[in-house]
Amino acid sequence: MKKTLSLLLLILSAALSTPTSASVVEFEFNLEFSGGEEPSGTAPWMVVSFDDQGTPGSVQMTLSTSGLSGSESLSS
């Protein structure tokens, strides 16, 4: 009983001392695959980020095309 209680207290203290934070995952794309010419801007031409913002059950997706210029655009 004493060992079990000590183990539970150790697990609880480890869990409470572990910092929690939001996670962000980013993917950079620099490959032209549609058969056209490569964009004139600097790579990566598109960045996709997924951010859970520390909220369980939700994710925000952001598309950034700062590497594209002029009439270049992103389409699905």
Protein backbone atom coordinates (compact mmCIF):
# COMPACT_ATOMS: atom_id res chain seq x y z
CA MET A 1 0.00 0.00 0.00
CA LYS A 2 2.81 2.40 0.92
CA LYS A 3 4.66 1.62 -2.34
CA THR A 4 1.49 2.10 -4.37
CA LEU A 5 0.78 5.47 -2.76
CA SER A 6 4.38 6.60 -3.31
CA LEU A 7 4.21 5.55 -6.96
CA LEU A 8 0.90 7.39 -7.49
CA LEU A 9 2.32 10.54 -5.88
CA LEU A 10 5.41 10.32 -8.09
CA ILE A 11 3.30 9.95 -11.24
CA LEU A 12 1.01 12.81 -10.19
CA SER A 13 3.90 15.16 -9.43
CA ALA A 14 5.56 14.32 -12.78
CA ALA A 15 2.31 14.96 -14.64
CA LEU A 16 1.74 18.29 -12.93
CA SER A 17 5.30 19.48 -13.47
CA THR A 18 5.25 18.73 -17.20
CA PRO A 19 4.66 21.98 -19.11
CA THR A 20 1.83 22.01 -21.61
CA SER A 21 1.94 24.03 -24.80
CA ALA A 22 0.24 24.40 -28.13
CA SER A 23 1.77 22.55 -31.05
CA VAL A 24 2.43 24.03 -34.47
CA VAL A 25 3.47 21.93 -37.46
CA GLU A 26 4.65 23.59 -40.69
CA PHE A 27 5.25 22.15 -44.14
CA GLU A 28 7.18 24.13 -46.77
CA PHE A 29 6.50 23.43 -50.45
CA ASN A 30 9.04 24.28 -53.14
CA LEU A 31 8.21 21.80 -55.90
CA GLU A 32 6.31 22.74 -59.08
CA PHE A 33 4.22 19.70 -60.00
CA SER A 34 1.47 21.05 -62.29
CA GLY A 35 3.64 21.01 -65.41
CA GLY A 36 4.03 24.78 -65.53
CA GLU A 37 7.04 26.97 -64.94
CA GLU A 38 8.46 27.40 -61.45
CA PRO A 39 7.25 30.54 -59.65
CA SER A 40 9.54 33.55 -59.98
CA GLY A 41 9.66 34.24 -56.22
CA THR A 42 11.97 32.59 -53.73
CA ALA A 43 11.17 29.15 -52.35
CA PRO A 44 9.32 27.96 -50.39
CA TRP A 45 6.42 29.16 -52.49
CA MET A 46 3.82 27.91 -50.05
CA VAL A 47 3.85 27.18 -46.33
CA VAL A 48 1.04 25.25 -44.65
CA SER A 49 0.83 25.41 -40.86
CA PHE A 50 -1.41 23.48 -38.49
CA ASP A 51 -1.89 25.00 -35.02
CA ASP A 52 -3.95 23.44 -32.23
CA GLN A 53 -3.74 26.73 -30.26
CA GLY A 54 -3.82 24.72 -27.05
CA THR A 55 -7.50 23.94 -27.56
CA PRO A 56 -8.42 20.26 -27.48
CA GLY A 57 -10.45 19.11 -30.48
CA SER A 58 -9.66 21.99 -32.83
CA VAL A 59 -6.96 22.85 -35.37
CA GLN A 60 -6.35 26.00 -37.38
CA MET A 61 -4.82 25.57 -40.85
CA THR A 62 -3.06 28.53 -42.47
CA LEU A 63 -1.80 28.74 -46.06
CA SER A 64 0.92 31.29 -46.77
CA THR A 65 2.05 32.04 -50.32
CA SER A 66 4.62 34.77 -49.65
CA GLY A 67 7.00 33.13 -52.17
CA LEU A 68 4.61 33.81 -55.06
CA SER A 69 4.62 37.07 -56.97
CA GLY A 70 2.59 38.96 -59.56
CA SER A 71 -0.17 36.89 -61.14
CA GLU A 72 0.99 33.64 -59.51
CA SER A 73 -1.60 32.09 -57.22
CA LEU A 74 -2.55 28.96 -55.33
CA SER A 75 -5.58 26.95 -56.38
CA SER A 76 -6.99 23.59 -55.45
